C-alpha atoms as a PDB file:
ATOM      1  CA  MET A   1     197.379 104.799  50.119  1.00  0.00           C
ATOM      2  CA  ASN A   2     197.378 100.988  50.343  1.00  0.00           C
ATOM      3  CA  LEU A   3     194.935  98.888  52.384  1.00  0.00           C
ATOM      4  CA  ILE A   4     197.319  98.385  55.334  1.00  0.00           C
ATOM      5  CA  ASP A   5     197.967 102.123  55.708  1.00  0.00           C
ATOM      6  CA  PHE A   6     194.233 102.841  55.418  1.00  0.00           C
ATOM      7  CA  LEU A   7     193.405 100.359  58.202  1.00  0.00           C
ATOM      8  CA  LYS A   8     196.124 101.807  60.433  1.00  0.00           C
ATOM      9  CA  LYS A   9     194.657 105.280  59.985  1.00  0.00           C
ATOM     10  CA  GLU A  10     191.129 104.053  60.712  1.00  0.00           C
ATOM     11  CA  LEU A  11     192.253 102.304  63.905  1.00  0.00           C
ATOM     12  CA  SER A  12     194.164 105.327  65.207  1.00  0.00           C
ATOM     13  CA  GLY A  13     192.818 108.078  67.466  1.00  0.00           C
ATOM     14  CA  TRP A  14     190.618 105.866  69.675  1.00  0.00           C
ATOM     15  CA  GLY A  15     190.512 106.572  73.418  1.00  0.00           C
ATOM     16  CA  LYS A  16     191.022 103.822  75.999  1.00  0.00           C
ATOM     17  CA  LEU A  17     187.362 103.900  77.058  1.00  0.00           C
ATOM     18  CA  GLU A  18     186.194 103.712  73.431  1.00  0.00           C
ATOM     19  CA  ARG A  19     188.429 100.720  72.711  1.00  0.00           C
ATOM     20  CA  ILE A  20     186.750  98.849  75.564  1.00  0.00           C
ATOM     21  CA  LEU A  21     183.118  99.962  75.434  1.00  0.00           C
ATOM     22  CA  PHE A  22     182.467  99.885  71.676  1.00  0.00           C
ATOM     23  CA  PRO A  23     183.497  96.219  71.143  1.00  0.00           C
ATOM     24  CA  ILE A  24     181.559  95.270  74.290  1.00  0.00           C
ATOM     25  CA  CYS A  25     178.399  96.863  72.843  1.00  0.00           C
ATOM     26  CA  ILE A  26     178.682  94.813  69.655  1.00  0.00           C
ATOM     27  CA  LEU A  27     179.545  91.599  71.503  1.00  0.00           C
ATOM     28  CA  ALA A  28     176.609  92.077  73.896  1.00  0.00           C
ATOM     29  CA  ILE A  29     174.165  92.444  71.017  1.00  0.00           C
ATOM     30  CA  ILE A  30     175.504  89.287  69.358  1.00  0.00           C
ATOM     31  CA  ILE A  31     175.142  87.261  72.577  1.00  0.00           C
ATOM     32  CA  ILE A  32     171.666  88.590  73.445  1.00  0.00           C
ATOM     33  CA  SER A  33     170.503  88.066  69.860  1.00  0.00           C
ATOM     34  CA  PHE A  34     171.516  84.406  69.916  1.00  0.00           C
ATOM     35  CA  VAL A  35     169.930  83.882  73.329  1.00  0.00           C
ATOM     36  CA  MET A  36     166.672  85.421  72.084  1.00  0.00           C
ATOM     37  CA  GLY A  37     166.771  83.331  68.870  1.00  0.00           C
ATOM     38  CA  ASP A  38     166.709  86.497  66.804  1.00  0.00           C
ATOM     39  CA  ASN A  39     166.573  86.759  63.033  1.00  0.00           C
ATOM     40  CA  LYS A  40     170.121  86.496  61.610  1.00  0.00           C
ATOM     41  CA  VAL A  41     169.570  89.284  59.091  1.00  0.00           C
ATOM     42  CA  ALA A  42     168.456  91.566  61.931  1.00  0.00           C
ATOM     43  CA  LEU A  43     171.628  90.633  63.818  1.00  0.00           C
ATOM     44  CA  VAL A  44     173.903  91.468  60.868  1.00  0.00           C
ATOM     45  CA  SER A  45     171.973  94.702  60.337  1.00  0.00           C
ATOM     46  CA  ALA A  46     172.469  95.617  64.007  1.00  0.00           C
ATOM     47  CA  ILE A  47     176.219  94.895  63.916  1.00  0.00           C
ATOM     48  CA  CYS A  48     176.712  96.911  60.710  1.00  0.00           C
ATOM     49  CA  GLY A  49     174.499  99.726  61.947  1.00  0.00           C
ATOM     50  CA  ILE A  50     176.264 100.118  65.281  1.00  0.00           C
ATOM     51  CA  SER A  51     179.684  99.886  63.623  1.00  0.00           C
ATOM     52  CA  TYR A  52     178.588 102.584  61.173  1.00  0.00           C
ATOM     53  CA  SER A  53     177.393 104.882  63.952  1.00  0.00           C
ATOM     54  CA  ILE A  54     180.597 104.443  65.965  1.00  0.00           C
ATOM     55  CA  LEU A  55     182.868 105.028  62.961  1.00  0.00           C
ATOM     56  CA  ALA A  56     180.798 108.021  61.803  1.00  0.00           C
ATOM     57  CA  GLY A  57     180.960 109.494  65.289  1.00  0.00           C
ATOM     58  CA  LYS A  58     184.730 109.137  65.242  1.00  0.00           C
ATOM     59  CA  GLY A  59     184.798 110.818  61.838  1.00  0.00           C
ATOM     60  CA  LYS A  60     186.232 107.741  60.098  1.00  0.00           C
ATOM     61  CA  ILE A  61     185.433 107.423  56.388  1.00  0.00           C
ATOM     62  CA  SER A  62     185.211 103.613  56.695  1.00  0.00           C
ATOM     63  CA  CYS A  63     181.771 104.139  58.283  1.00  0.00           C
ATOM     64  CA  TYR A  64     180.295 104.239  54.794  1.00  0.00           C
ATOM     65  CA  ILE A  65     181.682 100.799  53.900  1.00  0.00           C
ATOM     66  CA  VAL A  66     179.871  98.995  56.746  1.00  0.00           C
ATOM     67  CA  GLY A  67     176.964 101.393  56.268  1.00  0.00           C
ATOM     68  CA  LEU A  68     176.288 100.053  52.782  1.00  0.00           C
ATOM     69  CA  ALA A  69     176.093  96.473  54.069  1.00  0.00           C
ATOM     70  CA  GLY A  70     173.785  97.521  56.891  1.00  0.00           C
ATOM     71  CA  THR A  71     171.562  99.396  54.446  1.00  0.00           C
ATOM     72  CA  PHE A  72     170.652  96.270  52.505  1.00  0.00           C
ATOM     73  CA  CYS A  73     170.028  94.220  55.657  1.00  0.00           C
ATOM     74  CA  TYR A  74     167.832  96.894  57.238  1.00  0.00           C
ATOM     75  CA  SER A  75     165.903  97.318  53.981  1.00  0.00           C
ATOM     76  CA  TYR A  76     165.082  93.619  54.024  1.00  0.00           C
ATOM     77  CA  ILE A  77     163.740  93.566  57.590  1.00  0.00           C
ATOM     78  CA  SER A  78     161.790  96.789  56.971  1.00  0.00           C
ATOM     79  CA  PHE A  79     160.085  95.105  54.005  1.00  0.00           C
ATOM     80  CA  LYS A  80     159.308  91.997  56.070  1.00  0.00           C
ATOM     81  CA  ASN A  81     157.684  94.184  58.755  1.00  0.00           C
ATOM     82  CA  ALA A  82     155.668  96.399  56.351  1.00  0.00           C
ATOM     83  CA  LEU A  83     157.578  99.552  57.296  1.00  0.00           C
ATOM     84  CA  TYR A  84     157.583 100.915  53.762  1.00  0.00           C
ATOM     85  CA  GLY A  85     158.763 104.399  54.665  1.00  0.00           C
ATOM     86  CA  ASN A  86     161.961 102.997  56.128  1.00  0.00           C
ATOM     87  CA  LEU A  87     162.318 100.592  53.182  1.00  0.00           C
ATOM     88  CA  ALA A  88     162.169 103.403  50.611  1.00  0.00           C
ATOM     89  CA  LEU A  89     164.413 105.590  52.747  1.00  0.00           C
ATOM     90  CA  TYR A  90     167.229 103.052  52.927  1.00  0.00           C
ATOM     91  CA  LEU A  91     167.115 101.787  49.349  1.00  0.00           C
ATOM     92  CA  LEU A  92     166.454 105.014  47.480  1.00  0.00           C
ATOM     93  CA  TYR A  93     168.243 107.505  49.734  1.00  0.00           C
ATOM     94  CA  TYR A  94     170.701 105.952  52.190  1.00  0.00           C
ATOM     95  CA  PHE A  95     172.477 103.883  49.554  1.00  0.00           C
ATOM     96  CA  PRO A  96     173.335 106.757  47.136  1.00  0.00           C
ATOM     97  CA  MET A  97     174.021 109.195  49.996  1.00  0.00           C
ATOM     98  CA  GLN A  98     176.536 106.828  51.588  1.00  0.00           C
ATOM     99  CA  VAL A  99     178.363 106.538  48.276  1.00  0.00           C
ATOM    100  CA  LEU A 100     178.327 110.347  48.035  1.00  0.00           C
ATOM    101  CA  GLY A 101     179.558 110.593  51.623  1.00  0.00           C
ATOM    102  CA  ILE A 102     182.735 108.688  50.774  1.00  0.00           C
ATOM    103  CA  PHE A 103     183.727 111.283  48.177  1.00  0.00           C
ATOM    104  CA  LYS A 104     182.616 114.272  50.296  1.00  0.00           C
ATOM    105  CA  TRP A 105     184.494 113.181  53.420  1.00  0.00           C
ATOM    106  CA  LYS A 106     187.578 112.236  51.426  1.00  0.00           C
ATOM    107  CA  ASN A 107     188.199 115.926  50.726  1.00  0.00           C
ATOM    108  CA  HIS A 108     187.887 117.013  54.377  1.00  0.00           C
ATOM    109  CA  LEU A 109     190.131 114.670  56.358  1.00  0.00           C
ATOM    110  CA  LYS A 110     192.687 115.828  58.917  1.00  0.00           C
ATOM    111  CA  LYS A 111     196.188 114.780  57.907  1.00  0.00           C
ATOM    112  CA  ASP A 112     197.269 113.793  61.420  1.00  0.00           C
ATOM    113  CA  THR A 113     194.256 111.747  62.615  1.00  0.00           C
ATOM    114  CA  PHE A 114     192.621 110.936  59.262  1.00  0.00           C
ATOM    115  CA  GLU A 115     189.313 112.060  60.792  1.00  0.00           C
ATOM    116  CA  ILE A 116     186.900 114.566  59.276  1.00  0.00           C
ATOM    117  CA  VAL A 117     186.914 118.269  60.072  1.00  0.00           C
ATOM    118  CA  LYS A 118     183.728 118.977  62.062  1.00  0.00           C
ATOM    119  CA  THR A 119     181.406 121.910  61.247  1.00  0.00           C
ATOM    120  CA  GLN A 120     178.182 123.514  62.523  1.00  0.00           C
ATOM    121  CA  LEU A 121     175.177 125.256  60.994  1.00  0.00           C
ATOM    122  CA  SER A 122     174.215 128.900  61.314  1.00  0.00           C
ATOM    123  CA  ASN A 123     171.000 129.759  63.194  1.00  0.00           C
ATOM    124  CA  LYS A 124     169.224 130.450  59.872  1.00  0.00           C
ATOM    125  CA  GLU A 125     170.230 127.043  58.506  1.00  0.00           C
ATOM    126  CA  ARG A 126     168.989 125.320  61.662  1.00  0.00           C
ATOM    127  CA  VAL A 127     165.536 126.883  61.245  1.00  0.00           C
ATOM    128  CA  LEU A 128     165.400 125.890  57.550  1.00  0.00           C
ATOM    129  CA  TYR A 129     166.351 122.268  58.192  1.00  0.00           C
ATOM    130  CA  PHE A 130     163.900 121.943  61.094  1.00  0.00           C
ATOM    131  CA  SER A 131     161.047 123.469  59.069  1.00  0.00           C
ATOM    132  CA  PHE A 132     161.797 121.129  56.165  1.00  0.00           C
ATOM    133  CA  ALA A 133     161.734 118.124  58.494  1.00  0.00           C
ATOM    134  CA  ILE A 134     158.361 119.015  60.052  1.00  0.00           C
ATOM    135  CA  LEU A 135     156.631 119.864  56.756  1.00  0.00           C
ATOM    136  CA  PHE A 136     157.684 116.740  54.893  1.00  0.00           C
ATOM    137  CA  SER A 137     157.008 114.500  57.914  1.00  0.00           C
ATOM    138  CA  ILE A 138     153.370 115.624  57.760  1.00  0.00           C
ATOM    139  CA  ILE A 139     153.175 114.991  54.003  1.00  0.00           C
ATOM    140  CA  LEU A 140     154.755 111.540  54.317  1.00  0.00           C
ATOM    141  CA  PHE A 141     152.393 110.633  57.161  1.00  0.00           C
ATOM    142  CA  PHE A 142     149.344 110.907  54.887  1.00  0.00           C
ATOM    143  CA  ILE A 143     151.092 108.918  52.143  1.00  0.00           C
ATOM    144  CA  LEU A 144     152.047 106.090  54.527  1.00  0.00           C
ATOM    145  CA  LYS A 145     148.603 106.075  56.109  1.00  0.00           C
ATOM    146  CA  TYR A 146     147.101 105.576  52.634  1.00  0.00           C
ATOM    147  CA  LEU A 147     149.548 102.700  52.024  1.00  0.00           C
ATOM    148  CA  LYS A 148     148.426 101.101  55.339  1.00  0.00           C
ATOM    149  CA  ASP A 149     151.837 101.433  56.961  1.00  0.00           C
ATOM    150  CA  LEU A 150     152.092  99.660  60.320  1.00  0.00           C
ATOM    151  CA  ASN A 151     153.096 102.844  62.183  1.00  0.00           C
ATOM    152  CA  PRO A 152     152.676 105.896  59.899  1.00  0.00           C
ATOM    153  CA  VAL A 153     153.359 108.560  62.561  1.00  0.00           C
ATOM    154  CA  VAL A 154     156.717 107.243  63.781  1.00  0.00           C
ATOM    155  CA  ASP A 155     157.683 105.877  60.354  1.00  0.00           C
ATOM    156  CA  SER A 156     157.115 109.260  58.678  1.00  0.00           C
ATOM    157  CA  ILE A 157     159.030 111.238  61.318  1.00  0.00           C
ATOM    158  CA  THR A 158     161.980 108.817  61.439  1.00  0.00           C
ATOM    159  CA  SER A 159     162.153 108.635  57.640  1.00  0.00           C
ATOM    160  CA  ILE A 160     162.234 112.404  57.046  1.00  0.00           C
ATOM    161  CA  PHE A 161     164.437 113.179  60.034  1.00  0.00           C
ATOM    162  CA  SER A 162     166.828 110.471  58.841  1.00  0.00           C
ATOM    163  CA  ILE A 163     167.052 112.223  55.470  1.00  0.00           C
ATOM    164  CA  VAL A 164     167.957 115.467  57.236  1.00  0.00           C
ATOM    165  CA  GLY A 165     170.331 113.639  59.571  1.00  0.00           C
ATOM    166  CA  LEU A 166     172.246 112.003  56.729  1.00  0.00           C
ATOM    167  CA  ILE A 167     172.533 115.324  54.876  1.00  0.00           C
ATOM    168  CA  LEU A 168     174.047 116.829  58.020  1.00  0.00           C
ATOM    169  CA  THR A 169     176.322 113.797  58.386  1.00  0.00           C
ATOM    170  CA  VAL A 170     177.685 114.248  54.869  1.00  0.00           C
ATOM    171  CA  LYS A 171     178.065 117.986  55.592  1.00  0.00           C
ATOM    172  CA  ARG A 172     179.948 117.054  58.806  1.00  0.00           C
ATOM    173  CA  CYS A 173     177.633 119.155  61.015  1.00  0.00           C
ATOM    174  CA  ILE A 174     177.341 118.634  64.773  1.00  0.00           C
ATOM    175  CA  GLU A 175     173.575 119.255  64.558  1.00  0.00           C
ATOM    176  CA  GLN A 176     173.212 115.774  63.097  1.00  0.00           C
ATOM    177  CA  TRP A 177     173.434 114.318  66.612  1.00  0.00           C
ATOM    178  CA  TYR A 178     170.331 116.197  67.771  1.00  0.00           C
ATOM    179  CA  VAL A 179     168.469 114.815  64.761  1.00  0.00           C
ATOM    180  CA  TRP A 180     169.786 111.291  65.322  1.00  0.00           C
ATOM    181  CA  PHE A 181     168.704 111.444  68.969  1.00  0.00           C
ATOM    182  CA  VAL A 182     165.094 111.978  67.846  1.00  0.00           C
ATOM    183  CA  VAL A 183     165.336 109.342  65.116  1.00  0.00           C
ATOM    184  CA  ASN A 184     166.947 106.760  67.392  1.00  0.00           C
ATOM    185  CA  GLY A 185     164.457 107.211  70.215  1.00  0.00           C
ATOM    186  CA  LEU A 186     161.399 106.989  67.960  1.00  0.00           C
ATOM    187  CA  SER A 187     162.852 104.111  65.926  1.00  0.00           C
ATOM    188  CA  MET A 188     163.393 102.098  69.090  1.00  0.00           C
ATOM    189  CA  ILE A 189     159.741 102.632  70.024  1.00  0.00           C
ATOM    190  CA  MET A 190     158.670 101.639  66.489  1.00  0.00           C
ATOM    191  CA  TRP A 191     160.600  98.357  66.565  1.00  0.00           C
ATOM    192  CA  ILE A 192     159.379  97.542  70.076  1.00  0.00           C
ATOM    193  CA  GLY A 193     155.888  97.703  68.584  1.00  0.00           C
ATOM    194  CA  ALA A 194     156.941  95.388  65.737  1.00  0.00           C
ATOM    195  CA  TYR A 195     158.484  92.967  68.259  1.00  0.00           C
ATOM    196  CA  LEU A 196     155.307  92.913  70.355  1.00  0.00           C
ATOM    197  CA  ASN A 197     153.359  92.137  67.162  1.00  0.00           C
ATOM    198  CA  GLY A 198     155.409  88.978  66.612  1.00  0.00           C
ATOM    199  CA  SER A 199     158.446  90.165  64.645  1.00  0.00           C
ATOM    200  CA  ASN A 200     161.674  88.360  65.581  1.00  0.00           C
ATOM    201  CA  CYS A 201     163.789  91.535  65.668  1.00  0.00           C
ATOM    202  CA  PHE A 202     165.101  91.991  69.212  1.00  0.00           C
ATOM    203  CA  ALA A 203     168.587  92.805  67.880  1.00  0.00           C
ATOM    204  CA  THR A 204     167.098  95.714  65.967  1.00  0.00           C
ATOM    205  CA  ILE A 205     165.629  97.147  69.182  1.00  0.00           C
ATOM    206  CA  LEU A 206     169.015  96.842  70.864  1.00  0.00           C
ATOM    207  CA  MET A 207     170.647  98.457  67.839  1.00  0.00           C
ATOM    208  CA  TRP A 208     168.462 101.566  68.159  1.00  0.00           C
ATOM    209  CA  LEU A 209     169.042 101.680  71.917  1.00  0.00           C
ATOM    210  CA  VAL A 210     172.813 101.705  71.351  1.00  0.00           C
ATOM    211  CA  TYR A 211     172.312 104.357  68.639  1.00  0.00           C
ATOM    212  CA  LEU A 212     170.463 106.504  71.176  1.00  0.00           C
ATOM    213  CA  VAL A 213     173.321 106.281  73.677  1.00  0.00           C
ATOM    214  CA  LEU A 214     175.932 106.914  70.969  1.00  0.00           C
ATOM    215  CA  SER A 215     174.106 110.036  69.734  1.00  0.00           C
ATOM    216  CA  VAL A 216     174.421 111.554  73.211  1.00  0.00           C
ATOM    217  CA  TYR A 217     178.064 110.495  73.528  1.00  0.00           C
ATOM    218  CA  PHE A 218     179.131 111.894  70.151  1.00  0.00           C
ATOM    219  CA  LEU A 219     177.164 115.113  70.647  1.00  0.00           C
ATOM    220  CA  TYR A 220     179.303 115.669  73.729  1.00  0.00           C
ATOM    221  CA  ALA A 221     182.527 114.626  71.960  1.00  0.00           C
ATOM    222  CA  TRP A 222     181.915 116.843  68.907  1.00  0.00           C
ATOM    223  CA  SER A 223     180.885 119.812  71.083  1.00  0.00           C
ATOM    224  CA  LYS A 224     184.072 119.445  73.093  1.00  0.00           C
ATOM    225  CA  GLU A 225     186.230 119.276  69.946  1.00  0.00           C
ATOM    226  CA  LEU A 226     184.571 122.274  68.269  1.00  0.00           C
ATOM    227  CA  TYR A 227     184.828 124.330  71.442  1.00  0.00           C
ATOM    228  CA  SER A 228     188.508 123.431  71.782  1.00  0.00           C
ATOM    229  CA  GLU A 229     189.198 124.423  68.163  1.00  0.00           C
ATOM    230  CA  LYS A 230     187.343 127.728  68.608  1.00  0.00           C
ATOM    231  CA  THR A 231     189.236 128.699  71.760  1.00  0.00           C
ATOM    232  CA  ASN A 232     192.599 127.759  70.249  1.00  0.00           C
ATOM    233  CA  LYS A 233     192.170 130.018  67.202  1.00  0.00           C
END
């Protein structure tokens, strides 16, 4: 498949409301960021991050391309704000997992829409993933507290839950949106704290707010699609 055909596939399957609202979200963040005199790296990170979330929600494999760019930008602002849990998460985990995601999703694309085939976990798997997330969040909290992290509680939870969320994303599981809802809400609170402490990162706060809204939207969209597929079998 050449580049033109790939782009056509990635731009197909969008609803009328999505074609209007998603660009407006990105444009609004750009405008507000400039008005607030925000850090330019934070702005680029926000644009890449929101684009990634939208494309991932639509099941488009191109999400990983913009995701890689956003990973490096977000790593930089995490380092500048002494959020070392998020820094390690993005550099050591998000980067290789996004590369892996490209190859994993490539093998599970629908031929008509070029979107991924959605899946869901069993009840046993849900318990295992949740238990893993809680246990390792507690362990990471003590590590980050020792390293004098700015916000060890939220940073530890968002870091571990993000690991679980990305695993579920690569596995194409609907449960990822529950995990991302928690991560997005807590991350927004974390960056509000950084902003109040003098960090010029208003675009990052807006980015997590949009993430929060998108997690609810795509949870609904994926649930609707899975239910439709189940009833049509």
